[in-house]
């Protein structure tokens, strides 16, 4: 079965593929009639991704007690349990390199050391399956019904913001960005990660959600990433200050920057109407829309959503499975064998 082509889709169908809304808004009318939306991004009071909480460690600690193979096994167990619920996609792993302990989301980072974070991308083949030797670089890969699509996030520099302020500005030259924050993405792409999520933060004053150079020129063209790029939660709103101040401009700059799928939990009618206007008025070329949809369909096809669109009830026994609980206990034991709080470089004035 060949992947569907955006050439045979209407503009409304294409934009529907690019919109990811909250499940609370996913009525039959929205999905199949009014807006033709084809993506859901949350369950009320829950999340659809495993966090890195408790998995962070220093490089020395990893070499002695923690190891990528254990993280890979955790990824495989996660894929089974998530897949059993009918969810084919997880917002993990977070490959942020936390450089300041004042950042409130350090718990999402494996380490301050890029080498450790690189190693921990081994969770990706756990979630998606081992990439075949014949696979092309940058092409998304999911090995079957017992695996799910992964998402490397948050591209890029979210752990290096000034003063550790969340969603703030990461002030570093290009060499620093490439040597500290970018390496985990190289490894994620080499392992066939399906999607990449953009960071709320900025790089040297430019919001990542509108950074065409890093998203299109570097991630897509230089690194040859062939999966799709997704925004963070209401991420494009924050391109302007205050958020949502000029939503049409935010949509324009985000889509032209290379974002393919947009998390718009509540404002999806405005997003769909404005994006349709921008395309019809030639502010956004159809080639950009087709590129986005082609990438989204490529991942959906790789996951097997067209052949198997519903939950596999044969996986129900995987939820809460004894072996998975034992794996969780093993992970906790490994972490308790030695103090496991990551060593982070505290600014001298705070020492």
C-alpha atoms as a PDB file:
ATOM      1  CA  UNK A   1       0.000   0.000   0.000  1.00  0.00           C
ATOM      2  CA  UNK A   2       1.496   3.330  -1.088  1.00  0.00           C
ATOM      3  CA  UNK A   3       1.337   6.351   1.219  1.00  0.00           C
ATOM      4  CA  UNK A   4      -1.550   8.705   0.380  1.00  0.00           C
ATOM      5  CA  UNK A   5      -0.585  11.701  -1.718  1.00  0.00           C
ATOM      6  CA  UNK A   6      -1.554  15.269  -0.754  1.00  0.00           C
ATOM      7  CA  UNK A   7      -2.151  15.858  -4.484  1.00  0.00           C
ATOM      8  CA  UNK A   8      -5.443  13.993  -4.174  1.00  0.00           C
ATOM      9  CA  UNK A   9      -6.675  15.976  -1.167  1.00  0.00           C
ATOM     10  CA  UNK A  10      -8.666  19.194  -0.889  1.00  0.00           C
ATOM     11  CA  UNK A  11      -7.169  22.194   0.899  1.00  0.00           C
ATOM     12  CA  UNK A  12      -9.594  21.650   3.787  1.00  0.00           C
ATOM     13  CA  UNK A  13      -8.403  18.049   4.141  1.00  0.00           C
ATOM     14  CA  UNK A  14      -4.770  19.123   4.069  1.00  0.00           C
ATOM     15  CA  UNK A  15      -5.199  21.792   6.723  1.00  0.00           C
ATOM     16  CA  UNK A  16      -7.169  19.302   8.800  1.00  0.00           C
ATOM     17  CA  UNK A  17      -4.099  17.072   8.814  1.00  0.00           C
ATOM     18  CA  UNK A  18      -2.012  19.980  10.109  1.00  0.00           C
ATOM     19  CA  UNK A  19      -4.319  20.714  13.068  1.00  0.00           C
ATOM     20  CA  UNK A  20      -3.983  18.875  16.371  1.00  0.00           C
ATOM     21  CA  UNK A  21      -6.798  19.743  18.773  1.00  0.00           C
ATOM     22  CA  UNK A  22      -7.759  18.843  22.337  1.00  0.00           C
ATOM     23  CA  UNK A  23      -9.765  15.645  22.706  1.00  0.00           C
ATOM     24  CA  UNK A  24     -12.495  17.579  24.514  1.00  0.00           C
ATOM     25  CA  UNK A  25     -13.238  19.349  21.222  1.00  0.00           C
ATOM     26  CA  UNK A  26     -13.140  16.218  19.087  1.00  0.00           C
ATOM     27  CA  UNK A  27     -16.804  15.831  18.270  1.00  0.00           C
ATOM     28  CA  UNK A  28     -17.919  13.855  15.237  1.00  0.00           C
ATOM     29  CA  UNK A  29     -18.965  17.128  13.626  1.00  0.00           C
ATOM     30  CA  UNK A  30     -15.493  18.655  14.040  1.00  0.00           C
ATOM     31  CA  UNK A  31     -13.671  15.509  12.921  1.00  0.00           C
ATOM     32  CA  UNK A  32     -15.760  14.537   9.933  1.00  0.00           C
ATOM     33  CA  UNK A  33     -17.823  17.523   8.841  1.00  0.00           C
ATOM     34  CA  UNK A  34     -16.975  21.099   9.740  1.00  0.00           C
ATOM     35  CA  UNK A  35     -13.194  21.121   9.991  1.00  0.00           C
ATOM     36  CA  UNK A  36     -11.972  17.640   8.991  1.00  0.00           C
ATOM     37  CA  UNK A  37      -9.437  17.666  11.828  1.00  0.00           C
ATOM     38  CA  UNK A  38      -7.246  14.559  12.067  1.00  0.00           C
ATOM     39  CA  UNK A  39      -5.204  14.890  15.237  1.00  0.00           C
ATOM     40  CA  UNK A  40      -5.887  14.824  18.994  1.00  0.00           C
ATOM     41  CA  UNK A  41      -3.338  15.916  21.566  1.00  0.00           C
ATOM     42  CA  UNK A  42      -4.492  15.231  25.089  1.00  0.00           C
ATOM     43  CA  UNK A  43      -6.816  13.411  27.430  1.00  0.00           C
ATOM     44  CA  UNK A  44      -8.432  15.565  30.096  1.00  0.00           C
ATOM     45  CA  UNK A  45      -6.393  15.611  33.322  1.00  0.00           C
ATOM     46  CA  UNK A  46      -3.760  13.328  31.780  1.00  0.00           C
ATOM     47  CA  UNK A  47      -0.924  13.319  29.307  1.00  0.00           C
ATOM     48  CA  UNK A  48      -0.056  10.998  26.451  1.00  0.00           C
ATOM     49  CA  UNK A  49       3.675  10.858  26.961  1.00  0.00           C
ATOM     50  CA  UNK A  50       6.146   9.410  29.473  1.00  0.00           C
ATOM     51  CA  UNK A  51       8.339  12.043  31.082  1.00  0.00           C
ATOM     52  CA  UNK A  52      12.023  11.649  31.906  1.00  0.00           C
ATOM     53  CA  UNK A  53      11.309  12.087  35.629  1.00  0.00           C
ATOM     54  CA  UNK A  54      13.776   9.995  37.602  1.00  0.00           C
ATOM     55  CA  UNK A  55      15.790   8.994  34.552  1.00  0.00           C
ATOM     56  CA  UNK A  56      18.255  11.882  34.697  1.00  0.00           C
ATOM     57  CA  UNK A  57      21.788  11.094  35.809  1.00  0.00           C
ATOM     58  CA  UNK A  58      25.345  12.289  35.559  1.00  0.00           C
ATOM     59  CA  UNK A  59      27.700  10.756  33.052  1.00  0.00           C
ATOM     60  CA  UNK A  60      29.642   8.957  35.799  1.00  0.00           C
ATOM     61  CA  UNK A  61      26.439   7.593  37.264  1.00  0.00           C
ATOM     62  CA  UNK A  62      25.293   6.267  33.913  1.00  0.00           C
ATOM     63  CA  UNK A  63      28.549   4.423  33.344  1.00  0.00           C
ATOM     64  CA  UNK A  64      28.372   2.747  36.759  1.00  0.00           C
ATOM     65  CA  UNK A  65      24.698   2.051  37.370  1.00  0.00           C
ATOM     66  CA  UNK A  66      22.333   3.357  34.713  1.00  0.00           C
ATOM     67  CA  UNK A  67      22.548   2.239  31.115  1.00  0.00           C
ATOM     68  CA  UNK A  68      20.873   2.944  27.788  1.00  0.00           C
ATOM     69  CA  UNK A  69      19.717  -0.665  27.451  1.00  0.00           C
ATOM     70  CA  UNK A  70      17.523  -0.228  30.531  1.00  0.00           C
ATOM     71  CA  UNK A  71      16.053   2.953  29.068  1.00  0.00           C
ATOM     72  CA  UNK A  72      15.388   1.063  25.834  1.00  0.00           C
ATOM     73  CA  UNK A  73      13.494  -1.624  27.765  1.00  0.00           C
ATOM     74  CA  UNK A  74      11.462   1.107  29.460  1.00  0.00           C
ATOM     75  CA  UNK A  75      10.639   2.503  26.021  1.00  0.00           C
ATOM     76  CA  UNK A  76       9.507  -0.911  24.795  1.00  0.00           C
ATOM     77  CA  UNK A  77       7.241  -1.412  27.820  1.00  0.00           C
ATOM     78  CA  UNK A  78       5.841   2.084  27.383  1.00  0.00           C
ATOM     79  CA  UNK A  79       5.072   1.399  23.729  1.00  0.00           C
ATOM     80  CA  UNK A  80       3.115  -1.735  24.620  1.00  0.00           C
ATOM     81  CA  UNK A  81       1.029  -0.030  27.293  1.00  0.00           C
ATOM     82  CA  UNK A  82       0.396   3.124  25.266  1.00  0.00           C
ATOM     83  CA  UNK A  83      -0.444   1.099  22.177  1.00  0.00           C
ATOM     84  CA  UNK A  84      -2.956  -0.928  24.170  1.00  0.00           C
ATOM     85  CA  UNK A  85      -4.965   2.250  24.778  1.00  0.00           C
ATOM     86  CA  UNK A  86      -5.138   2.981  21.056  1.00  0.00           C
ATOM     87  CA  UNK A  87      -2.686   5.894  21.188  1.00  0.00           C
ATOM     88  CA  UNK A  88      -0.024   5.485  18.468  1.00  0.00           C
ATOM     89  CA  UNK A  89       2.160   8.478  19.359  1.00  0.00           C
ATOM     90  CA  UNK A  90       4.048   9.644  22.454  1.00  0.00           C
ATOM     91  CA  UNK A  91       5.561  13.057  23.180  1.00  0.00           C
ATOM     92  CA  UNK A  92       8.877  11.551  24.257  1.00  0.00           C
ATOM     93  CA  UNK A  93      11.781  11.610  24.695  1.00  0.00           C
ATOM     94  CA  UNK A  94      12.678  15.052  25.978  1.00  0.00           C
ATOM     95  CA  UNK A  95      16.314  15.491  24.962  1.00  0.00           C
ATOM     96  CA  UNK A  96      16.864  18.864  26.604  1.00  0.00           C
ATOM     97  CA  UNK A  97      20.359  19.449  27.965  1.00  0.00           C
ATOM     98  CA  UNK A  98      19.741  21.253  31.264  1.00  0.00           C
ATOM     99  CA  UNK A  99      22.507  23.793  31.832  1.00  0.00           C
ATOM    100  CA  UNK A 100      21.081  25.718  34.790  1.00  0.00           C
ATOM    101  CA  UNK A 101      19.481  24.083  37.862  1.00  0.00           C
ATOM    102  CA  UNK A 102      17.172  27.057  38.244  1.00  0.00           C
ATOM    103  CA  UNK A 103      15.253  25.830  35.208  1.00  0.00           C
ATOM    104  CA  UNK A 104      12.058  24.447  36.685  1.00  0.00           C
ATOM    105  CA  UNK A 105      11.870  21.676  34.105  1.00  0.00           C
ATOM    106  CA  UNK A 106      15.266  20.118  34.811  1.00  0.00           C
ATOM    107  CA  UNK A 107      13.325  16.979  35.732  1.00  0.00           C
ATOM    108  CA  UNK A 108      12.628  16.551  32.014  1.00  0.00           C
ATOM    109  CA  UNK A 109      16.333  16.479  31.177  1.00  0.00           C
ATOM    110  CA  UNK A 110      18.492  13.375  31.365  1.00  0.00           C
ATOM    111  CA  UNK A 111      21.604  15.378  32.132  1.00  0.00           C
ATOM    112  CA  UNK A 112      23.624  18.561  31.713  1.00  0.00           C
ATOM    113  CA  UNK A 113      26.061  16.466  29.663  1.00  0.00           C
ATOM    114  CA  UNK A 114      25.165  16.168  25.944  1.00  0.00           C
ATOM    115  CA  UNK A 115      26.925  12.786  25.839  1.00  0.00           C
ATOM    116  CA  UNK A 116      24.559  11.362  28.447  1.00  0.00           C
ATOM    117  CA  UNK A 117      21.518  12.729  26.648  1.00  0.00           C
ATOM    118  CA  UNK A 118      22.842  11.210  23.399  1.00  0.00           C
ATOM    119  CA  UNK A 119      23.089   7.816  25.106  1.00  0.00           C
ATOM    120  CA  UNK A 120      19.557   8.069  26.451  1.00  0.00           C
ATOM    121  CA  UNK A 121      18.094   8.505  22.970  1.00  0.00           C
ATOM    122  CA  UNK A 122      18.219   4.706  23.045  1.00  0.00           C
ATOM    123  CA  UNK A 123      14.666   4.987  24.351  1.00  0.00           C
ATOM    124  CA  UNK A 124      13.655   5.762  20.741  1.00  0.00           C
ATOM    125  CA  UNK A 125      14.290   2.242  19.352  1.00  0.00           C
ATOM    126  CA  UNK A 126      12.551   0.997  22.500  1.00  0.00           C
ATOM    127  CA  UNK A 127       9.458   2.976  21.563  1.00  0.00           C
ATOM    128  CA  UNK A 128       9.644   2.577  17.771  1.00  0.00           C
ATOM    129  CA  UNK A 129      11.721  -0.554  17.201  1.00  0.00           C
ATOM    130  CA  UNK A 130      15.276  -1.041  15.975  1.00  0.00           C
ATOM    131  CA  UNK A 131      16.040   0.789  12.769  1.00  0.00           C
ATOM    132  CA  UNK A 132      16.944  -1.613   9.927  1.00  0.00           C
ATOM    133  CA  UNK A 133      20.464  -1.328   8.558  1.00  0.00           C
ATOM    134  CA  UNK A 134      19.002  -0.562   5.123  1.00  0.00           C
ATOM    135  CA  UNK A 135      16.937   2.396   6.354  1.00  0.00           C
ATOM    136  CA  UNK A 136      17.772   5.819   4.927  1.00  0.00           C
ATOM    137  CA  UNK A 137      19.016   8.519   7.276  1.00  0.00           C
ATOM    138  CA  UNK A 138      16.279  10.743   8.636  1.00  0.00           C
ATOM    139  CA  UNK A 139      13.343   8.600   7.524  1.00  0.00           C
ATOM    140  CA  UNK A 140      10.827   7.862  10.326  1.00  0.00           C
ATOM    141  CA  UNK A 141      10.528   4.246  11.381  1.00  0.00           C
ATOM    142  CA  UNK A 142       8.013   2.273  13.467  1.00  0.00           C
ATOM    143  CA  UNK A 143       8.415  -1.493  13.349  1.00  0.00           C
ATOM    144  CA  UNK A 144       4.866  -2.695  13.930  1.00  0.00           C
ATOM    145  CA  UNK A 145       1.660  -2.713  15.977  1.00  0.00           C
ATOM    146  CA  UNK A 146       3.547  -3.147  19.248  1.00  0.00           C
ATOM    147  CA  UNK A 147       5.470   0.084  18.723  1.00  0.00           C
ATOM    148  CA  UNK A 148       4.528   3.776  18.674  1.00  0.00           C
ATOM    149  CA  UNK A 149       5.851   6.941  17.046  1.00  0.00           C
ATOM    150  CA  UNK A 150       8.279   8.929  19.191  1.00  0.00           C
ATOM    151  CA  UNK A 151       8.920  12.673  19.439  1.00  0.00           C
ATOM    152  CA  UNK A 152      12.283  14.323  20.202  1.00  0.00           C
ATOM    153  CA  UNK A 153      11.743  17.608  22.039  1.00  0.00           C
ATOM    154  CA  UNK A 154      12.036  20.552  22.500  1.00  0.00           C
ATOM    155  CA  UNK A 155      13.994  21.735  19.483  1.00  0.00           C
ATOM    156  CA  UNK A 156      16.308  23.334  20.347  1.00  0.00           C
ATOM    157  CA  UNK A 157      18.051  24.827  23.403  1.00  0.00           C
ATOM    158  CA  UNK A 158      15.149  24.637  25.861  1.00  0.00           C
ATOM    159  CA  UNK A 159      17.516  23.606  28.665  1.00  0.00           C
ATOM    160  CA  UNK A 160      19.922  26.492  28.129  1.00  0.00           C
ATOM    161  CA  UNK A 161      17.729  29.540  28.675  1.00  0.00           C
ATOM    162  CA  UNK A 162      19.132  32.675  30.315  1.00  0.00           C
ATOM    163  CA  UNK A 163      19.010  32.405  34.128  1.00  0.00           C
ATOM    164  CA  UNK A 164      17.149  29.115  33.736  1.00  0.00           C
ATOM    165  CA  UNK A 165      13.872  30.939  33.101  1.00  0.00           C
ATOM    166  CA  UNK A 166      11.380  28.631  31.404  1.00  0.00           C
ATOM    167  CA  UNK A 167      10.601  29.485  27.762  1.00  0.00           C
ATOM    168  CA  UNK A 168      13.234  32.225  27.907  1.00  0.00           C
ATOM    169  CA  UNK A 169      16.068  33.156  25.541  1.00  0.00           C
ATOM    170  CA  UNK A 170      18.979  30.761  24.994  1.00  0.00           C
ATOM    171  CA  UNK A 171      22.007  32.987  24.457  1.00  0.00           C
ATOM    172  CA  UNK A 172      24.736  30.960  22.763  1.00  0.00           C
ATOM    173  CA  UNK A 173      26.636  31.167  19.493  1.00  0.00           C
ATOM    174  CA  UNK A 174      26.069  28.684  16.705  1.00  0.00           C
ATOM    175  CA  UNK A 175      29.054  26.566  17.734  1.00  0.00           C
ATOM    176  CA  UNK A 176      27.704  26.343  21.277  1.00  0.00           C
ATOM    177  CA  UNK A 177      24.257  25.400  20.031  1.00  0.00           C
ATOM    178  CA  UNK A 178      25.709  22.655  17.831  1.00  0.00           C
ATOM    179  CA  UNK A 179      28.043  21.262  20.484  1.00  0.00           C
ATOM    180  CA  UNK A 180      25.733  21.398  23.531  1.00  0.00           C
ATOM    181  CA  UNK A 181      22.065  21.324  22.543  1.00  0.00           C
ATOM    182  CA  UNK A 182      21.996  19.809  19.053  1.00  0.00           C
ATOM    183  CA  UNK A 183      23.870  16.460  19.478  1.00  0.00           C
ATOM    184  CA  UNK A 184      20.888  14.518  20.915  1.00  0.00           C
ATOM    185  CA  UNK A 185      18.890  15.419  17.806  1.00  0.00           C
ATOM    186  CA  UNK A 186      21.575  13.962  15.538  1.00  0.00           C
ATOM    187  CA  UNK A 187      21.244  10.661  17.397  1.00  0.00           C
ATOM    188  CA  UNK A 188      17.437  10.801  17.456  1.00  0.00           C
ATOM    189  CA  UNK A 189      17.348  11.302  13.688  1.00  0.00           C
ATOM    190  CA  UNK A 190      19.909   8.517  13.125  1.00  0.00           C
ATOM    191  CA  UNK A 191      17.552   6.219  15.072  1.00  0.00           C
ATOM    192  CA  UNK A 192      14.545   7.076  12.898  1.00  0.00           C
ATOM    193  CA  UNK A 193      12.598   9.310  15.274  1.00  0.00           C
ATOM    194  CA  UNK A 194       9.214  10.076  13.737  1.00  0.00           C
ATOM    195  CA  UNK A 195       8.620  13.632  14.907  1.00  0.00           C
ATOM    196  CA  UNK A 196      10.362  16.634  16.442  1.00  0.00           C
ATOM    197  CA  UNK A 197       8.620  19.155  18.711  1.00  0.00           C
ATOM    198  CA  UNK A 198       9.621  22.814  18.703  1.00  0.00           C
ATOM    199  CA  UNK A 199      10.563  24.655  21.910  1.00  0.00           C
ATOM    200  CA  UNK A 200       8.713  27.614  23.400  1.00  0.00           C
ATOM    201  CA  UNK A 201      12.116  29.212  23.958  1.00  0.00           C
ATOM    202  CA  UNK A 202      14.122  31.524  21.715  1.00  0.00           C
ATOM    203  CA  UNK A 203      17.647  31.351  20.334  1.00  0.00           C
ATOM    204  CA  UNK A 204      19.478  34.660  20.512  1.00  0.00           C
ATOM    205  CA  UNK A 205      16.195  36.550  20.491  1.00  0.00           C
ATOM    206  CA  UNK A 206      14.436  34.613  17.718  1.00  0.00           C
ATOM    207  CA  UNK A 207      11.457  32.505  18.779  1.00  0.00           C
ATOM    208  CA  UNK A 208      12.068  28.889  17.854  1.00  0.00           C
ATOM    209  CA  UNK A 209       8.523  28.597  16.528  1.00  0.00           C
ATOM    210  CA  UNK A 210       9.423  31.046  13.768  1.00  0.00           C
ATOM    211  CA  UNK A 211      13.070  30.107  13.231  1.00  0.00           C
ATOM    212  CA  UNK A 212      13.139  29.049   9.584  1.00  0.00           C
ATOM    213  CA  UNK A 213      16.899  28.643   9.567  1.00  0.00           C
ATOM    214  CA  UNK A 214      16.966  26.011  12.318  1.00  0.00           C
ATOM    215  CA  UNK A 215      13.707  24.234  11.432  1.00  0.00           C
ATOM    216  CA  UNK A 216      13.834  24.139   7.632  1.00  0.00           C
ATOM    217  CA  UNK A 217      17.390  24.893   6.584  1.00  0.00           C
ATOM    218  CA  UNK A 218      19.112  22.925   9.331  1.00  0.00           C
ATOM    219  CA  UNK A 219      16.757  20.236  10.704  1.00  0.00           C
ATOM    220  CA  UNK A 220      14.963  19.363   7.491  1.00  0.00           C
ATOM    221  CA  UNK A 221      17.553  20.143   4.826  1.00  0.00           C
ATOM    222  CA  UNK A 222      20.945  19.787   6.531  1.00  0.00           C
ATOM    223  CA  UNK A 223      20.077  16.853   8.830  1.00  0.00           C
ATOM    224  CA  UNK A 224      17.632  15.421   6.260  1.00  0.00           C
ATOM    225  CA  UNK A 225      14.871  14.811   8.801  1.00  0.00           C
ATOM    226  CA  UNK A 226      11.894  13.337   6.937  1.00  0.00           C
ATOM    227  CA  UNK A 227       9.341  13.043   9.739  1.00  0.00           C
ATOM    228  CA  UNK A 228       7.057  15.902  10.700  1.00  0.00           C
ATOM    229  CA  UNK A 229       7.725  18.915  12.909  1.00  0.00           C
ATOM    230  CA  UNK A 230       5.100  19.726  15.526  1.00  0.00           C
ATOM    231  CA  UNK A 231       4.605  22.862  17.584  1.00  0.00           C
ATOM    232  CA  UNK A 232       4.429  22.822  21.367  1.00  0.00           C
ATOM    233  CA  UNK A 233       1.148  23.395  23.216  1.00  0.00           C
ATOM    234  CA  UNK A 234      -0.232  26.710  21.888  1.00  0.00           C
ATOM    235  CA  UNK A 235       3.350  27.382  20.823  1.00  0.00           C
ATOM    236  CA  UNK A 236       2.648  29.588  17.845  1.00  0.00           C
ATOM    237  CA  UNK A 237       0.494  31.890  19.991  1.00  0.00           C
ATOM    238  CA  UNK A 238       3.629  32.895  21.920  1.00  0.00           C
ATOM    239  CA  UNK A 239       5.447  34.167  18.857  1.00  0.00           C
ATOM    240  CA  UNK A 240       3.908  37.549  19.710  1.00  0.00           C
ATOM    241  CA  UNK A 241       3.927  39.444  23.000  1.00  0.00           C
ATOM    242  CA  UNK A 242       1.364  39.241  24.450  1.00  0.00           C
ATOM    243  CA  UNK A 243       0.442  35.786  23.146  1.00  0.00           C
ATOM    244  CA  UNK A 244      -2.174  35.617  20.397  1.00  0.00           C
ATOM    245  CA  UNK A 245      -1.857  39.355  19.758  1.00  0.00           C
ATOM    246  CA  UNK A 246      -1.587  38.874  15.986  1.00  0.00           C
ATOM    247  CA  UNK A 247      -2.607  35.300  15.316  1.00  0.00           C
ATOM    248  CA  UNK A 248      -2.597  35.554  11.534  1.00  0.00           C
ATOM    249  CA  UNK A 249       1.029  36.703  11.639  1.00  0.00           C
ATOM    250  CA  UNK A 250       1.894  33.901  14.071  1.00  0.00           C
ATOM    251  CA  UNK A 251       0.394  31.285  11.759  1.00  0.00           C
ATOM    252  CA  UNK A 252       2.161  32.768   8.743  1.00  0.00           C
ATOM    253  CA  UNK A 253       5.602  32.870  10.349  1.00  0.00           C
ATOM    254  CA  UNK A 254       5.284  29.428  11.978  1.00  0.00           C
ATOM    255  CA  UNK A 255       4.166  27.586   8.846  1.00  0.00           C
ATOM    256  CA  UNK A 256       6.739  29.341   6.663  1.00  0.00           C
ATOM    257  CA  UNK A 257       9.399  28.475   9.257  1.00  0.00           C
ATOM    258  CA  UNK A 258       8.637  24.804   8.635  1.00  0.00           C
ATOM    259  CA  UNK A 259       6.195  23.684  11.330  1.00  0.00           C
ATOM    260  CA  UNK A 260       4.010  20.946   9.867  1.00  0.00           C
ATOM    261  CA  UNK A 261       1.502  20.174  12.617  1.00  0.00           C
ATOM    262  CA  UNK A 262       0.220  22.758  15.082  1.00  0.00           C
ATOM    263  CA  UNK A 263      -1.103  22.095  18.588  1.00  0.00           C
ATOM    264  CA  UNK A 264      -4.198  24.258  18.741  1.00  0.00           C
ATOM    265  CA  UNK A 265      -6.285  22.747  21.528  1.00  0.00           C
ATOM    266  CA  UNK A 266      -8.973  25.435  21.602  1.00  0.00           C
ATOM    267  CA  UNK A 267      -8.532  27.970  18.791  1.00  0.00           C
ATOM    268  CA  UNK A 268      -8.735  25.520  15.914  1.00  0.00           C
ATOM    269  CA  UNK A 269     -11.564  27.324  14.015  1.00  0.00           C
ATOM    270  CA  UNK A 270      -9.492  30.510  13.945  1.00  0.00           C
ATOM    271  CA  UNK A 271      -6.360  28.593  12.957  1.00  0.00           C
ATOM    272  CA  UNK A 272      -8.092  26.726  10.146  1.00  0.00           C
ATOM    273  CA  UNK A 273      -9.857  29.827   8.802  1.00  0.00           C
ATOM    274  CA  UNK A 274      -6.724  31.987   8.954  1.00  0.00           C
ATOM    275  CA  UNK A 275      -4.466  29.364   7.393  1.00  0.00           C
ATOM    276  CA  UNK A 276      -7.001  28.813   4.610  1.00  0.00           C
ATOM    277  CA  UNK A 277      -7.036  32.579   3.948  1.00  0.00           C
ATOM    278  CA  UNK A 278      -3.218  32.756   3.913  1.00  0.00           C
ATOM    279  CA  UNK A 279      -3.004  29.936   1.357  1.00  0.00           C
ATOM    280  CA  UNK A 280      -5.804  31.262  -0.840  1.00  0.00           C
ATOM    281  CA  UNK A 281      -4.177  34.703  -0.887  1.00  0.00           C
ATOM    282  CA  UNK A 282      -0.788  33.159  -1.784  1.00  0.00           C
ATOM    283  CA  UNK A 283       0.934  34.300   1.417  1.00  0.00           C
ATOM    284  CA  UNK A 284       1.775  30.640   2.026  1.00  0.00           C
ATOM    285  CA  UNK A 285       2.568  28.580  -1.085  1.00  0.00           C
ATOM    286  CA  UNK A 286       0.737  25.320  -1.669  1.00  0.00           C
ATOM    287  CA  UNK A 287       4.131  23.619  -1.886  1.00  0.00           C
ATOM    288  CA  UNK A 288       4.685  24.368   1.825  1.00  0.00           C
ATOM    289  CA  UNK A 289       1.282  22.880   2.703  1.00  0.00           C
ATOM    290  CA  UNK A 290       1.970  19.804   0.565  1.00  0.00           C
ATOM    291  CA  UNK A 291       5.343  19.319   2.230  1.00  0.00           C
ATOM    292  CA  UNK A 292       3.725  19.431   5.676  1.00  0.00           C
ATOM    293  CA  UNK A 293       0.946  17.004   4.744  1.00  0.00           C
ATOM    294  CA  UNK A 294       3.329  14.644   2.975  1.00  0.00           C
ATOM    295  CA  UNK A 295       5.449  14.432   6.140  1.00  0.00           C
ATOM    296  CA  UNK A 296       2.412  13.869   8.358  1.00  0.00           C
ATOM    297  CA  UNK A 297       1.046  11.142   6.076  1.00  0.00           C
ATOM    298  CA  UNK A 298       4.497   9.536   5.900  1.00  0.00           C
ATOM    299  CA  UNK A 299       4.514   9.112   9.686  1.00  0.00           C
ATOM    300  CA  UNK A 300       0.907   7.924   9.818  1.00  0.00           C
ATOM    301  CA  UNK A 301       1.636   5.404   7.088  1.00  0.00           C
ATOM    302  CA  UNK A 302       4.786   4.239   8.898  1.00  0.00           C
ATOM    303  CA  UNK A 303       2.803   3.740  12.106  1.00  0.00           C
ATOM    304  CA  UNK A 304       0.229   1.715  10.163  1.00  0.00           C
ATOM    305  CA  UNK A 305      -2.791   3.910  10.877  1.00  0.00           C
ATOM    306  CA  UNK A 306      -4.349   3.324   7.467  1.00  0.00           C
ATOM    307  CA  UNK A 307      -4.278  -0.470   7.784  1.00  0.00           C
ATOM    308  CA  UNK A 308      -4.983  -0.531  11.541  1.00  0.00           C
ATOM    309  CA  UNK A 309      -6.827   2.626  12.584  1.00  0.00           C
ATOM    310  CA  UNK A 310      -8.227   1.259  15.864  1.00  0.00           C
ATOM    311  CA  UNK A 311      -6.781   0.007  19.131  1.00  0.00           C
ATOM    312  CA  UNK A 312      -5.439  -3.550  19.149  1.00  0.00           C
ATOM    313  CA  UNK A 313      -7.406  -5.191  21.947  1.00  0.00           C
ATOM    314  CA  UNK A 314      -5.007  -8.112  21.988  1.00  0.00           C
ATOM    315  CA  UNK A 315      -2.569  -5.750  23.738  1.00  0.00           C
ATOM    316  CA  UNK A 316      -4.949  -5.129  26.653  1.00  0.00           C
ATOM    317  CA  UNK A 317      -3.078  -7.617  28.817  1.00  0.00           C
ATOM    318  CA  UNK A 318       0.040  -5.447  28.525  1.00  0.00           C
ATOM    319  CA  UNK A 319      -1.469  -2.697  30.688  1.00  0.00           C
ATOM    320  CA  UNK A 320      -0.090  -3.000  34.202  1.00  0.00           C
ATOM    321  CA  UNK A 321       1.696  -6.201  33.273  1.00  0.00           C
ATOM    322  CA  UNK A 322       3.746  -7.777  36.087  1.00  0.00           C
ATOM    323  CA  UNK A 323       6.923  -7.679  34.007  1.00  0.00           C
ATOM    324  CA  UNK A 324       6.455  -3.959  33.431  1.00  0.00           C
ATOM    325  CA  UNK A 325       5.987  -3.313  37.140  1.00  0.00           C
ATOM    326  CA  UNK A 326       9.139  -5.275  37.838  1.00  0.00           C
ATOM    327  CA  UNK A 327      10.952  -3.197  35.233  1.00  0.00           C
ATOM    328  CA  UNK A 328       9.801  -0.025  37.008  1.00  0.00           C
ATOM    329  CA  UNK A 329      11.066  -1.409  40.309  1.00  0.00           C
ATOM    330  CA  UNK A 330      14.382  -2.310  38.692  1.00  0.00           C
ATOM    331  CA  UNK A 331      14.741   1.235  37.405  1.00  0.00           C
ATOM    332  CA  UNK A 332      14.050   2.645  40.865  1.00  0.00           C
ATOM    333  CA  UNK A 333      16.555   0.256  42.461  1.00  0.00           C
ATOM    334  CA  UNK A 334      19.220   1.335  39.979  1.00  0.00           C
ATOM    335  CA  UNK A 335      18.564   4.954  40.826  1.00  0.00           C
ATOM    336  CA  UNK A 336      18.760   4.308  44.573  1.00  0.00           C
ATOM    337  CA  UNK A 337      22.021   2.383  44.465  1.00  0.00           C
ATOM    338  CA  UNK A 338      23.835   5.704  44.477  1.00  0.00           C
ATOM    339  CA  UNK A 339      22.739   9.355  44.751  1.00  0.00           C
ATOM    340  CA  UNK A 340      21.404  10.163  41.315  1.00  0.00           C
ATOM    341  CA  UNK A 341      20.729  13.868  41.316  1.00  0.00           C
ATOM    342  CA  UNK A 342      22.392  15.316  38.224  1.00  0.00           C
ATOM    343  CA  UNK A 343      25.432  17.469  38.863  1.00  0.00           C
ATOM    344  CA  UNK A 344      24.604  20.798  37.287  1.00  0.00           C
ATOM    345  CA  UNK A 345      26.863  23.790  36.944  1.00  0.00           C
ATOM    346  CA  UNK A 346      25.577  26.238  39.522  1.00  0.00           C
ATOM    347  CA  UNK A 347      26.607  29.817  38.712  1.00  0.00           C
ATOM    348  CA  UNK A 348      29.539  30.769  40.947  1.00  0.00           C
ATOM    349  CA  UNK A 349      27.653  33.537  42.725  1.00  0.00           C
ATOM    350  CA  UNK A 350      25.193  30.944  44.063  1.00  0.00           C
ATOM    351  CA  UNK A 351      27.842  28.580  45.455  1.00  0.00           C
END
